[in-house]
């Protein structure tokens, strides 16, 4: 999970896409520890509470809780994971 703001972006995308297409999949959004801690701000904590109550994010609620429990944004940059392997059905 890319931290509170990333989850907020995911929620906004899902809301918009639900109106148009139906569903937005969380891709590579797992909380990962980082070597340099990035503690949550009071704002981040408020955002996490709102995100946990969103039905649009019920499938990633465990990841959001992990961020909350760790008190750290973690390694939220997906670029640190490298390029993904080719996905079935994607070109």
N, C-alpha and C. Protein backbone atom coordinates (compact mmCIF):
# COMPACT_ATOMS: atom_id res chain seq x y z
N UNK A 1 0.86 -1.17 0.00
CA UNK A 1 0.00 0.00 0.00
C UNK A 1 0.89 1.21 0.00
N UNK A 2 0.59 2.20 -0.81
CA UNK A 2 1.43 3.36 -0.97
C UNK A 2 1.19 4.46 0.05
N UNK A 3 0.83 4.18 1.23
CA UNK A 3 0.61 5.20 2.24
C UNK A 3 -0.78 5.78 2.16
N UNK A 4 -1.12 6.64 3.11
CA UNK A 4 -2.46 7.20 3.18
C UNK A 4 -2.89 7.93 1.91
N UNK A 5 -2.01 8.71 1.35
CA UNK A 5 -2.40 9.48 0.16
C UNK A 5 -2.62 8.57 -1.04
N UNK A 6 -1.79 7.54 -1.16
CA UNK A 6 -1.97 6.60 -2.27
C UNK A 6 -3.29 5.86 -2.16
N UNK A 7 -3.67 5.49 -0.95
CA UNK A 7 -4.96 4.83 -0.75
C UNK A 7 -6.10 5.79 -1.06
N UNK A 8 -5.91 7.05 -0.73
CA UNK A 8 -6.91 8.06 -1.07
C UNK A 8 -7.06 8.21 -2.57
N UNK A 9 -5.94 8.17 -3.27
CA UNK A 9 -5.97 8.25 -4.73
C UNK A 9 -6.68 7.03 -5.30
N UNK A 10 -6.38 5.85 -4.75
CA UNK A 10 -7.05 4.62 -5.19
C UNK A 10 -8.55 4.75 -5.00
N UNK A 11 -8.98 5.28 -3.87
CA UNK A 11 -10.40 5.45 -3.60
C UNK A 11 -11.04 6.39 -4.61
N UNK A 12 -10.38 7.51 -4.88
CA UNK A 12 -10.91 8.47 -5.85
C UNK A 12 -11.00 7.86 -7.25
N UNK A 13 -9.97 7.09 -7.63
CA UNK A 13 -10.00 6.42 -8.94
C UNK A 13 -11.14 5.43 -9.03
N UNK A 14 -11.33 4.67 -7.96
CA UNK A 14 -12.41 3.69 -7.96
C UNK A 14 -13.77 4.35 -8.06
N UNK A 15 -13.94 5.45 -7.35
CA UNK A 15 -15.21 6.16 -7.40
C UNK A 15 -15.48 6.66 -8.80
N UNK A 16 -14.48 7.27 -9.44
CA UNK A 16 -14.63 7.78 -10.79
C UNK A 16 -14.84 6.65 -11.79
N UNK A 17 -14.02 5.62 -11.71
CA UNK A 17 -14.10 4.51 -12.66
C UNK A 17 -15.39 3.71 -12.49
N UNK A 18 -15.89 3.62 -11.27
CA UNK A 18 -17.14 2.89 -11.05
C UNK A 18 -18.26 3.52 -11.85
N UNK A 19 -18.19 4.83 -12.00
CA UNK A 19 -19.20 5.53 -12.79
C UNK A 19 -19.06 5.19 -14.27
N UNK A 20 -17.83 4.94 -14.71
CA UNK A 20 -17.57 4.71 -16.13
C UNK A 20 -17.46 3.23 -16.51
N UNK A 21 -16.62 2.51 -15.80
CA UNK A 21 -16.29 1.15 -16.21
C UNK A 21 -16.64 0.06 -15.22
N UNK A 22 -16.58 0.37 -13.96
CA UNK A 22 -16.90 -0.66 -12.98
C UNK A 22 -15.89 -0.84 -11.88
N UNK A 23 -14.62 -1.12 -12.17
CA UNK A 23 -13.71 -1.51 -11.10
C UNK A 23 -12.26 -1.10 -11.38
N UNK A 24 -11.55 -0.70 -10.31
CA UNK A 24 -10.13 -0.38 -10.38
C UNK A 24 -9.42 -1.34 -9.43
N UNK A 25 -8.43 -2.04 -9.94
CA UNK A 25 -7.72 -3.05 -9.16
C UNK A 25 -6.50 -2.42 -8.49
N UNK A 26 -6.29 -2.76 -7.22
CA UNK A 26 -5.09 -2.32 -6.50
C UNK A 26 -3.92 -3.16 -7.01
N UNK A 27 -2.97 -2.52 -7.64
CA UNK A 27 -1.84 -3.22 -8.25
C UNK A 27 -0.57 -2.91 -7.48
N UNK A 28 0.05 -3.94 -6.91
CA UNK A 28 1.31 -3.82 -6.16
C UNK A 28 1.18 -2.84 -5.00
N UNK A 29 0.05 -2.87 -4.33
CA UNK A 29 -0.19 -1.94 -3.23
C UNK A 29 -0.15 -2.69 -1.89
N UNK A 30 0.99 -3.21 -1.57
CA UNK A 30 1.21 -3.90 -0.29
C UNK A 30 2.15 -3.06 0.55
N UNK A 31 1.86 -2.94 1.84
CA UNK A 31 2.75 -2.19 2.73
C UNK A 31 4.07 -2.92 2.84
N UNK A 32 5.16 -2.17 2.70
CA UNK A 32 6.50 -2.73 2.82
C UNK A 32 7.32 -1.85 3.76
N UNK A 33 8.11 -2.45 4.64
CA UNK A 33 8.97 -1.64 5.51
C UNK A 33 10.05 -0.96 4.67
N UNK A 34 10.59 0.10 5.22
CA UNK A 34 11.68 0.81 4.55
C UNK A 34 12.84 0.98 5.52
N UNK A 35 14.02 1.17 4.99
CA UNK A 35 15.20 1.32 5.86
C UNK A 35 15.18 2.64 6.61
N UNK A 36 14.52 3.64 6.07
CA UNK A 36 14.43 4.95 6.72
C UNK A 36 12.95 5.19 7.08
N UNK A 37 12.62 5.13 8.37
CA UNK A 37 11.21 5.30 8.78
C UNK A 37 10.61 6.62 8.30
N UNK A 38 9.33 6.56 7.97
CA UNK A 38 8.56 7.72 7.54
C UNK A 38 7.29 7.74 8.39
N UNK A 39 7.37 8.28 9.62
CA UNK A 39 6.25 8.24 10.54
C UNK A 39 5.00 8.94 9.99
N UNK A 40 3.85 8.42 10.40
CA UNK A 40 2.58 9.03 10.00
C UNK A 40 2.41 10.37 10.70
N UNK A 41 1.85 11.31 9.97
CA UNK A 41 1.51 12.61 10.54
C UNK A 41 0.10 12.53 11.11
N UNK A 42 -0.31 13.50 11.93
CA UNK A 42 -1.70 13.52 12.39
C UNK A 42 -2.69 13.53 11.21
N UNK A 43 -2.33 14.25 10.14
CA UNK A 43 -3.18 14.26 8.95
C UNK A 43 -3.31 12.86 8.36
N UNK A 44 -2.18 12.15 8.24
CA UNK A 44 -2.19 10.78 7.71
C UNK A 44 -3.13 9.89 8.54
N UNK A 45 -3.06 10.03 9.84
CA UNK A 45 -3.90 9.21 10.73
C UNK A 45 -5.39 9.49 10.52
N UNK A 46 -5.73 10.75 10.32
CA UNK A 46 -7.14 11.10 10.04
C UNK A 46 -7.59 10.52 8.70
N UNK A 47 -6.71 10.61 7.70
CA UNK A 47 -7.03 10.07 6.37
C UNK A 47 -7.24 8.56 6.46
N UNK A 48 -6.37 7.87 7.20
CA UNK A 48 -6.49 6.41 7.33
C UNK A 48 -7.83 6.02 7.95
N UNK A 49 -8.27 6.76 8.95
CA UNK A 49 -9.57 6.47 9.58
C UNK A 49 -10.69 6.58 8.56
N UNK A 50 -10.66 7.61 7.73
CA UNK A 50 -11.69 7.78 6.69
C UNK A 50 -11.62 6.66 5.66
N UNK A 51 -10.39 6.30 5.28
CA UNK A 51 -10.23 5.25 4.27
C UNK A 51 -10.73 3.90 4.77
N UNK A 52 -10.51 3.63 6.04
CA UNK A 52 -10.98 2.35 6.61
C UNK A 52 -12.49 2.24 6.62
N UNK A 53 -13.17 3.37 6.64
CA UNK A 53 -14.63 3.33 6.65
C UNK A 53 -15.23 3.32 5.23
N UNK A 54 -14.37 3.38 4.22
CA UNK A 54 -14.85 3.42 2.84
C UNK A 54 -15.14 2.03 2.29
N UNK A 55 -16.36 1.78 1.85
CA UNK A 55 -16.66 0.48 1.23
C UNK A 55 -15.89 0.26 -0.07
N UNK A 56 -15.42 1.33 -0.69
CA UNK A 56 -14.66 1.20 -1.94
C UNK A 56 -13.29 0.59 -1.71
N UNK A 57 -12.83 0.59 -0.45
CA UNK A 57 -11.49 0.08 -0.16
C UNK A 57 -11.52 -1.14 0.74
N UNK A 58 -12.65 -1.82 0.81
CA UNK A 58 -12.76 -2.97 1.71
C UNK A 58 -11.76 -4.08 1.38
N UNK A 59 -11.40 -4.22 0.10
CA UNK A 59 -10.45 -5.27 -0.29
C UNK A 59 -9.02 -4.97 0.12
N UNK A 60 -8.71 -3.72 0.44
CA UNK A 60 -7.36 -3.36 0.87
C UNK A 60 -7.34 -2.86 2.32
N UNK A 61 -8.40 -3.13 3.05
CA UNK A 61 -8.49 -2.63 4.43
C UNK A 61 -7.38 -3.21 5.32
N UNK A 62 -6.96 -4.44 5.07
CA UNK A 62 -5.88 -5.02 5.87
C UNK A 62 -4.57 -4.26 5.65
N UNK A 63 -4.32 -3.86 4.43
CA UNK A 63 -3.11 -3.08 4.14
C UNK A 63 -3.19 -1.71 4.80
N UNK A 64 -4.36 -1.11 4.77
CA UNK A 64 -4.54 0.20 5.42
C UNK A 64 -4.34 0.05 6.92
N UNK A 65 -4.87 -1.01 7.50
CA UNK A 65 -4.67 -1.26 8.94
C UNK A 65 -3.19 -1.48 9.26
N UNK A 66 -2.48 -2.13 8.37
CA UNK A 66 -1.05 -2.36 8.57
C UNK A 66 -0.31 -1.03 8.66
N UNK A 67 -0.63 -0.10 7.78
CA UNK A 67 -0.01 1.23 7.83
C UNK A 67 -0.31 1.88 9.18
N UNK A 68 -1.57 1.79 9.58
CA UNK A 68 -2.01 2.38 10.85
C UNK A 68 -1.27 1.74 12.03
N UNK A 69 -1.20 0.43 12.06
CA UNK A 69 -0.56 -0.28 13.16
C UNK A 69 0.95 -0.02 13.22
N UNK A 70 1.58 0.05 12.06
CA UNK A 70 3.03 0.28 12.03
C UNK A 70 3.37 1.74 12.36
N UNK A 71 2.40 2.64 12.13
CA UNK A 71 2.66 4.06 12.38
C UNK A 71 3.68 4.64 11.44
N UNK A 72 3.80 4.00 10.27
CA UNK A 72 4.84 4.36 9.32
C UNK A 72 4.28 4.19 7.90
N UNK A 73 4.61 5.13 7.04
CA UNK A 73 4.15 5.03 5.65
C UNK A 73 4.79 3.86 4.92
N UNK A 74 5.97 3.47 5.33
CA UNK A 74 6.66 2.37 4.67
C UNK A 74 7.21 2.78 3.32
N UNK A 75 7.63 1.79 2.55
CA UNK A 75 8.18 2.01 1.21
C UNK A 75 7.02 2.05 0.24
N UNK A 76 6.50 3.24 0.02
CA UNK A 76 5.30 3.38 -0.80
C UNK A 76 5.59 3.66 -2.27
N UNK A 77 6.85 3.82 -2.63
CA UNK A 77 7.18 4.08 -4.03
C UNK A 77 7.20 2.77 -4.81
N UNK A 78 6.26 2.61 -5.71
CA UNK A 78 6.19 1.37 -6.49
C UNK A 78 7.39 1.21 -7.41
N UNK A 79 8.04 2.30 -7.75
CA UNK A 79 9.21 2.22 -8.62
C UNK A 79 10.34 1.41 -7.99
N UNK A 80 10.38 1.33 -6.66
CA UNK A 80 11.44 0.57 -6.00
C UNK A 80 11.28 -0.94 -6.22
N UNK A 81 10.14 -1.36 -6.72
CA UNK A 81 9.89 -2.78 -6.97
C UNK A 81 10.41 -3.25 -8.32
N UNK A 82 10.79 -2.31 -9.18
CA UNK A 82 11.21 -2.68 -10.53
C UNK A 82 10.01 -2.91 -11.43
N UNK A 83 10.28 -3.27 -12.66
CA UNK A 83 9.19 -3.49 -13.60
C UNK A 83 8.47 -4.80 -13.29
N UNK A 84 7.13 -4.80 -13.39
CA UNK A 84 6.39 -6.04 -13.14
C UNK A 84 6.56 -7.01 -14.29
N UNK A 85 6.39 -8.28 -13.98
CA UNK A 85 6.37 -9.28 -15.05
C UNK A 85 5.14 -9.03 -15.90
N UNK A 86 5.19 -9.47 -17.10
CA UNK A 86 4.06 -9.29 -18.01
C UNK A 86 2.80 -9.90 -17.40
N UNK A 87 1.74 -9.15 -17.43
CA UNK A 87 0.48 -9.62 -16.86
C UNK A 87 -0.37 -10.29 -17.92
N UNK A 88 -1.07 -11.32 -17.53
CA UNK A 88 -1.95 -12.03 -18.47
C UNK A 88 -2.99 -11.05 -19.01
N UNK A 89 -3.10 -10.99 -20.30
CA UNK A 89 -4.10 -10.14 -20.92
C UNK A 89 -3.63 -8.71 -21.16
N UNK A 90 -2.46 -8.34 -20.68
CA UNK A 90 -1.95 -6.98 -20.90
C UNK A 90 -0.88 -7.04 -21.98
N UNK A 91 -0.76 -5.98 -22.73
CA UNK A 91 0.27 -5.94 -23.77
C UNK A 91 1.24 -4.84 -23.50
